[in-house]
PDB file of N, CA and C in Angstrom:
ATOM      1  N   MET A   1       7.903   1.099  12.285  1.00  0.00           N
ATOM      2  CA  MET A   1       9.136   1.571  12.860  1.00  0.00           C
ATOM      3  C   MET A   1       9.517   2.872  12.152  1.00  0.00           C
ATOM      4  N   SER A   2       9.760   3.916  12.904  1.00  0.00           N
ATOM      5  CA  SER A   2      10.105   5.192  12.290  1.00  0.00           C
ATOM      6  C   SER A   2      11.568   5.202  11.863  1.00  0.00           C
ATOM      7  N   LYS A   3      11.813   5.927  10.801  1.00  0.00           N
ATOM      8  CA  LYS A   3      13.159   6.073  10.253  1.00  0.00           C
ATOM      9  C   LYS A   3      13.692   7.455  10.623  1.00  0.00           C
ATOM     10  N   PRO A   4      14.984   7.705  10.481  1.00  0.00           N
ATOM     11  CA  PRO A   4      15.568   8.986  10.881  1.00  0.00           C
ATOM     12  C   PRO A   4      14.953  10.199  10.180  1.00  0.00           C
ATOM     13  N   PHE A   5      14.503  10.051   8.928  1.00  0.00           N
ATOM     14  CA  PHE A   5      13.965  11.190   8.195  1.00  0.00           C
ATOM     15  C   PHE A   5      12.503  11.470   8.526  1.00  0.00           C
ATOM     16  N   ASP A   6      11.815  10.581   9.239  1.00  0.00           N
ATOM     17  CA  ASP A   6      10.398  10.755   9.544  1.00  0.00           C
ATOM     18  C   ASP A   6      10.119  12.028  10.345  1.00  0.00           C
ATOM     19  N   ALA A   7      10.866  12.275  11.386  1.00  0.00           N
ATOM     20  CA  ALA A   7      10.632  13.438  12.241  1.00  0.00           C
ATOM     21  C   ALA A   7      10.881  14.736  11.478  1.00  0.00           C
ATOM     22  N   ALA A   8      11.912  14.766  10.645  1.00  0.00           N
ATOM     23  CA  ALA A   8      12.214  15.978   9.876  1.00  0.00           C
ATOM     24  C   ALA A   8      11.105  16.271   8.869  1.00  0.00           C
ATOM     25  N   THR A   9      10.632  15.255   8.177  1.00  0.00           N
ATOM     26  CA  THR A   9       9.559  15.442   7.200  1.00  0.00           C
ATOM     27  C   THR A   9       8.273  15.854   7.891  1.00  0.00           C
ATOM     28  N   LYS A  10       8.000  15.280   9.042  1.00  0.00           N
ATOM     29  CA  LYS A  10       6.822  15.661   9.825  1.00  0.00           C
ATOM     30  C   LYS A  10       6.866  17.148  10.157  1.00  0.00           C
ATOM     31  N   GLN A  11       8.019  17.638  10.561  1.00  0.00           N
ATOM     32  CA  GLN A  11       8.154  19.058  10.898  1.00  0.00           C
ATOM     33  C   GLN A  11       7.986  19.943   9.664  1.00  0.00           C
ATOM     34  N   LEU A  12       8.465  19.490   8.517  1.00  0.00           N
ATOM     35  CA  LEU A  12       8.306  20.261   7.285  1.00  0.00           C
ATOM     36  C   LEU A  12       6.840  20.370   6.884  1.00  0.00           C
ATOM     37  N   VAL A  13       6.092  19.276   7.011  1.00  0.00           N
ATOM     38  CA  VAL A  13       4.657  19.307   6.712  1.00  0.00           C
ATOM     39  C   VAL A  13       3.959  20.256   7.669  1.00  0.00           C
ATOM     40  N   GLN A  14       4.341  20.233   8.921  1.00  0.00           N
ATOM     41  CA  GLN A  14       3.734  21.097   9.934  1.00  0.00           C
ATOM     42  C   GLN A  14       4.004  22.576   9.638  1.00  0.00           C
ATOM     43  N   LYS A  15       5.176  22.908   9.125  1.00  0.00           N
ATOM     44  CA  LYS A  15       5.544  24.303   8.847  1.00  0.00           C
ATOM     45  C   LYS A  15       4.723  24.913   7.709  1.00  0.00           C
ATOM     46  N   ASP A  16       4.462  24.140   6.649  1.00  0.00           N
ATOM     47  CA  ASP A  16       3.736  24.668   5.490  1.00  0.00           C
ATOM     48  C   ASP A  16       2.918  23.561   4.826  1.00  0.00           C
ATOM     49  N   PRO A  17       1.795  23.166   5.440  1.00  0.00           N
ATOM     50  CA  PRO A  17       1.009  22.055   4.899  1.00  0.00           C
ATOM     51  C   PRO A  17       0.426  22.330   3.514  1.00  0.00           C
ATOM     52  N   LEU A  18       0.060  23.572   3.222  1.00  0.00           N
ATOM     53  CA  LEU A  18      -0.504  23.887   1.913  1.00  0.00           C
ATOM     54  C   LEU A  18       0.526  23.682   0.803  1.00  0.00           C
ATOM     55  N   ALA A  19       1.776  23.983   1.077  1.00  0.00           N
ATOM     56  CA  ALA A  19       2.840  23.758   0.093  1.00  0.00           C
ATOM     57  C   ALA A  19       2.977  22.275  -0.235  1.00  0.00           C
ATOM     58  N   TRP A  20       2.799  21.400   0.759  1.00  0.00           N
ATOM     59  CA  TRP A  20       2.883  19.962   0.513  1.00  0.00           C
ATOM     60  C   TRP A  20       1.736  19.483  -0.360  1.00  0.00           C
ATOM     61  N   LEU A  21       0.535  20.025  -0.128  1.00  0.00           N
ATOM     62  CA  LEU A  21      -0.595  19.653  -0.991  1.00  0.00           C
ATOM     63  C   LEU A  21      -0.305  20.048  -2.431  1.00  0.00           C
ATOM     64  N   ARG A  22       0.191  21.245  -2.633  1.00  0.00           N
ATOM     65  CA  ARG A  22       0.504  21.720  -3.982  1.00  0.00           C
ATOM     66  C   ARG A  22       1.626  20.891  -4.608  1.00  0.00           C
ATOM     67  N   PHE A  23       2.620  20.534  -3.814  1.00  0.00           N
ATOM     68  CA  PHE A  23       3.723  19.699  -4.305  1.00  0.00           C
ATOM     69  C   PHE A  23       3.210  18.355  -4.817  1.00  0.00           C
ATOM     70  N   LEU A  24       2.217  17.813  -4.125  1.00  0.00           N
ATOM     71  CA  LEU A  24       1.647  16.521  -4.513  1.00  0.00           C
ATOM     72  C   LEU A  24       0.535  16.640  -5.553  1.00  0.00           C
ATOM     73  N   GLY A  25       0.210  17.860  -5.957  1.00  0.00           N
ATOM     74  CA  GLY A  25      -0.815  18.060  -6.974  1.00  0.00           C
ATOM     75  C   GLY A  25      -2.238  17.932  -6.459  1.00  0.00           C
ATOM     76  N   LEU A  26      -2.420  18.097  -5.135  1.00  0.00           N
ATOM     77  CA  LEU A  26      -3.750  17.991  -4.544  1.00  0.00           C
ATOM     78  C   LEU A  26      -4.396  19.371  -4.446  1.00  0.00           C
ATOM     79  N   PRO A  27      -5.719  19.457  -4.640  1.00  0.00           N
ATOM     80  CA  PRO A  27      -6.395  20.752  -4.582  1.00  0.00           C
ATOM     81  C   PRO A  27      -6.625  21.202  -3.150  1.00  0.00           C
ATOM     82  N   GLY A  28      -6.893  22.478  -2.986  1.00  0.00           N
ATOM     83  CA  GLY A  28      -7.229  23.031  -1.674  1.00  0.00           C
ATOM     84  C   GLY A  28      -6.855  24.491  -1.586  1.00  0.00           C
ATOM     85  N   GLU A  29      -7.697  25.258  -0.910  1.00  0.00           N
ATOM     86  CA  GLU A  29      -7.422  26.681  -0.721  1.00  0.00           C
ATOM     87  C   GLU A  29      -6.847  26.961   0.664  1.00  0.00           C
ATOM     88  N   THR A  30      -7.401  26.309   1.677  1.00  0.00           N
ATOM     89  CA  THR A  30      -6.887  26.444   3.040  1.00  0.00           C
ATOM     90  C   THR A  30      -6.739  25.053   3.636  1.00  0.00           C
ATOM     91  N   VAL A  31      -5.866  24.955   4.631  1.00  0.00           N
ATOM     92  CA  VAL A  31      -5.606  23.660   5.245  1.00  0.00           C
ATOM     93  C   VAL A  31      -5.273  23.874   6.715  1.00  0.00           C
ATOM     94  N   GLU A  32      -5.655  22.913   7.539  1.00  0.00           N
ATOM     95  CA  GLU A  32      -5.293  22.960   8.957  1.00  0.00           C
ATOM     96  C   GLU A  32      -4.790  21.585   9.376  1.00  0.00           C
ATOM     97  N   LEU A  33      -3.836  21.594  10.268  1.00  0.00           N
ATOM     98  CA  LEU A  33      -3.269  20.359  10.790  1.00  0.00           C
ATOM     99  C   LEU A  33      -4.215  19.791  11.836  1.00  0.00           C
ATOM    100  N   VAL A  34      -4.573  18.523  11.713  1.00  0.00           N
ATOM    101  CA  VAL A  34      -5.461  17.865  12.666  1.00  0.00           C
ATOM    102  C   VAL A  34      -4.614  17.239  13.763  1.00  0.00           C
ATOM    103  N   ASP A  35      -4.981  17.494  15.015  1.00  0.00           N
ATOM    104  CA  ASP A  35      -4.269  16.905  16.147  1.00  0.00           C
ATOM    105  C   ASP A  35      -4.657  15.440  16.248  1.00  0.00           C
ATOM    106  N   THR A  36      -3.711  14.559  16.014  1.00  0.00           N
ATOM    107  CA  THR A  36      -3.961  13.120  16.070  1.00  0.00           C
ATOM    108  C   THR A  36      -3.297  12.561  17.309  1.00  0.00           C
ATOM    109  N   ASP A  37      -4.089  12.222  18.282  1.00  0.00           N
ATOM    110  CA  ASP A  37      -3.567  11.665  19.529  1.00  0.00           C
ATOM    111  C   ASP A  37      -3.675  10.156  19.455  1.00  0.00           C
ATOM    112  N   LEU A  38      -2.594   9.511  19.071  1.00  0.00           N
ATOM    113  CA  LEU A  38      -2.551   8.054  18.952  1.00  0.00           C
ATOM    114  C   LEU A  38      -1.622   7.510  20.027  1.00  0.00           C
ATOM    115  N   THR A  39      -2.068   7.583  21.256  1.00  0.00           N
ATOM    116  CA  THR A  39      -1.197   7.232  22.368  1.00  0.00           C
ATOM    117  C   THR A  39      -0.848   5.750  22.429  1.00  0.00           C
ATOM    118  N   SER A  40      -1.652   4.906  21.797  1.00  0.00           N
ATOM    119  CA  SER A  40      -1.382   3.470  21.890  1.00  0.00           C
ATOM    120  C   SER A  40      -0.384   2.988  20.837  1.00  0.00           C
ATOM    121  N   VAL A  41      -0.065   3.834  19.851  1.00  0.00           N
ATOM    122  CA  VAL A  41       0.913   3.467  18.837  1.00  0.00           C
ATOM    123  C   VAL A  41       1.882   4.631  18.641  1.00  0.00           C
ATOM    124  N   VAL A  42       2.994   4.355  18.011  1.00  0.00           N
ATOM    125  CA  VAL A  42       3.947   5.415  17.708  1.00  0.00           C
ATOM    126  C   VAL A  42       3.410   6.203  16.516  1.00  0.00           C
ATOM    127  N   ALA A  43       3.138   7.477  16.738  1.00  0.00           N
ATOM    128  CA  ALA A  43       2.537   8.306  15.686  1.00  0.00           C
ATOM    129  C   ALA A  43       3.435   9.462  15.284  1.00  0.00           C
ATOM    130  N   GLU A  44       4.717   9.305  15.498  1.00  0.00           N
ATOM    131  CA  GLU A  44       5.629  10.407  15.236  1.00  0.00           C
ATOM    132  C   GLU A  44       5.664  10.814  13.771  1.00  0.00           C
ATOM    133  N   ALA A  45       5.362   9.920  12.861  1.00  0.00           N
ATOM    134  CA  ALA A  45       5.479  10.243  11.446  1.00  0.00           C
ATOM    135  C   ALA A  45       4.143  10.544  10.796  1.00  0.00           C
ATOM    136  N   ASP A  46       3.055  10.389  11.488  1.00  0.00           N
ATOM    137  CA  ASP A  46       1.745  10.603  10.884  1.00  0.00           C
ATOM    138  C   ASP A  46       1.353  12.062  10.906  1.00  0.00           C
ATOM    139  N   ARG A  47       0.735  12.509   9.825  1.00  0.00           N
ATOM    140  CA  ARG A  47       0.180  13.859   9.739  1.00  0.00           C
ATOM    141  C   ARG A  47      -1.139  13.757   8.981  1.00  0.00           C
ATOM    142  N   ILE A  48      -2.167  14.371   9.540  1.00  0.00           N
ATOM    143  CA  ILE A  48      -3.457  14.447   8.869  1.00  0.00           C
ATOM    144  C   ILE A  48      -3.801  15.915   8.700  1.00  0.00           C
ATOM    145  N   LEU A  49      -4.171  16.284   7.476  1.00  0.00           N
ATOM    146  CA  LEU A  49      -4.516  17.653   7.154  1.00  0.00           C
ATOM    147  C   LEU A  49      -5.989  17.730   6.785  1.00  0.00           C
ATOM    148  N   ARG A  50      -6.700  18.700   7.332  1.00  0.00           N
ATOM    149  CA  ARG A  50      -8.084  18.964   6.940  1.00  0.00           C
ATOM    150  C   ARG A  50      -8.042  20.067   5.897  1.00  0.00           C
ATOM    151  N   VAL A  51      -8.472  19.736   4.675  1.00  0.00           N
ATOM    152  CA  VAL A  51      -8.410  20.661   3.555  1.00  0.00           C
ATOM    153  C   VAL A  51      -9.812  21.205   3.299  1.00  0.00           C
ATOM    154  N   HIS A  52      -9.867  22.480   2.952  1.00  0.00           N
ATOM    155  CA  HIS A  52     -11.138  23.128   2.666  1.00  0.00           C
ATOM    156  C   HIS A  52     -11.160  23.610   1.218  1.00  0.00           C
ATOM    157  N   ASN A  53     -12.300  23.435   0.601  1.00  0.00           N
ATOM    158  CA  ASN A  53     -12.611  23.901  -0.761  1.00  0.00           C
ATOM    159  C   ASN A  53     -11.675  23.318  -1.791  1.00  0.00           C
ATOM    160  N   PRO A  54     -11.813  22.065  -2.148  1.00  0.00           N
ATOM    161  CA  PRO A  54     -12.822  21.090  -1.733  1.00  0.00           C
ATOM    162  C   PRO A  54     -12.476  20.493  -0.373  1.00  0.00           C
ATOM    163  N   ASP A  55     -13.504  19.996   0.320  1.00  0.00           N
ATOM    164  CA  ASP A  55     -13.326  19.435   1.652  1.00  0.00           C
ATOM    165  C   ASP A  55     -12.892  17.978   1.582  1.00  0.00           C
ATOM    166  N   TYR A  56     -11.760  17.677   2.199  1.00  0.00           N
ATOM    167  CA  TYR A  56     -11.289  16.303   2.318  1.00  0.00           C
ATOM    168  C   TYR A  56     -10.183  16.249   3.371  1.00  0.00           C
ATOM    169  N   LEU A  57      -9.781  15.041   3.738  1.00  0.00           N
ATOM    170  CA  LEU A  57      -8.666  14.829   4.648  1.00  0.00           C
ATOM    171  C   LEU A  57      -7.508  14.249   3.863  1.00  0.00           C
ATOM    172  N   ALA A  58      -6.304  14.713   4.151  1.00  0.00           N
ATOM    173  CA  ALA A  58      -5.099  14.167   3.515  1.00  0.00           C
ATOM    174  C   ALA A  58      -4.244  13.565   4.628  1.00  0.00           C
ATOM    175  N   HIS A  59      -3.900  12.290   4.467  1.00  0.00           N
ATOM    176  CA  HIS A  59      -3.097  11.594   5.464  1.00  0.00           C
ATOM    177  C   HIS A  59      -1.691  11.390   4.906  1.00  0.00           C
ATOM    178  N   PHE A  60      -0.694  11.874   5.646  1.00  0.00           N
ATOM    179  CA  PHE A  60       0.696  11.715   5.262  1.00  0.00           C
ATOM    180  C   PHE A  60       1.328  10.662   6.160  1.00  0.00           C
ATOM    181  N   GLU A  61       1.819   9.599   5.570  1.00  0.00           N
ATOM    182  CA  GLU A  61       2.530   8.551   6.292  1.00  0.00           C
ATOM    183  C   GLU A  61       3.966   8.572   5.783  1.00  0.00           C
ATOM    184  N   MET A  62       4.874   9.027   6.607  1.00  0.00           N
ATOM    185  CA  MET A  62       6.271   9.179   6.182  1.00  0.00           C
ATOM    186  C   MET A  62       6.984   7.857   6.194  1.00  0.00           C
TER     187      MET A  62
END
């Protein structure tokens, strides 16, 4: 169940995903937002970032 702050945090991650990685102490030089189409469940709060150098995926669950 999503909470009122989920949508706002999702938008903040979308605006500057690299800043969120740095805030959490995760490495990465470039990052791109992965389009997650989860039509069968409510995915309003989920964010997945593809990070490069080093390569990994970061999943944000608000």
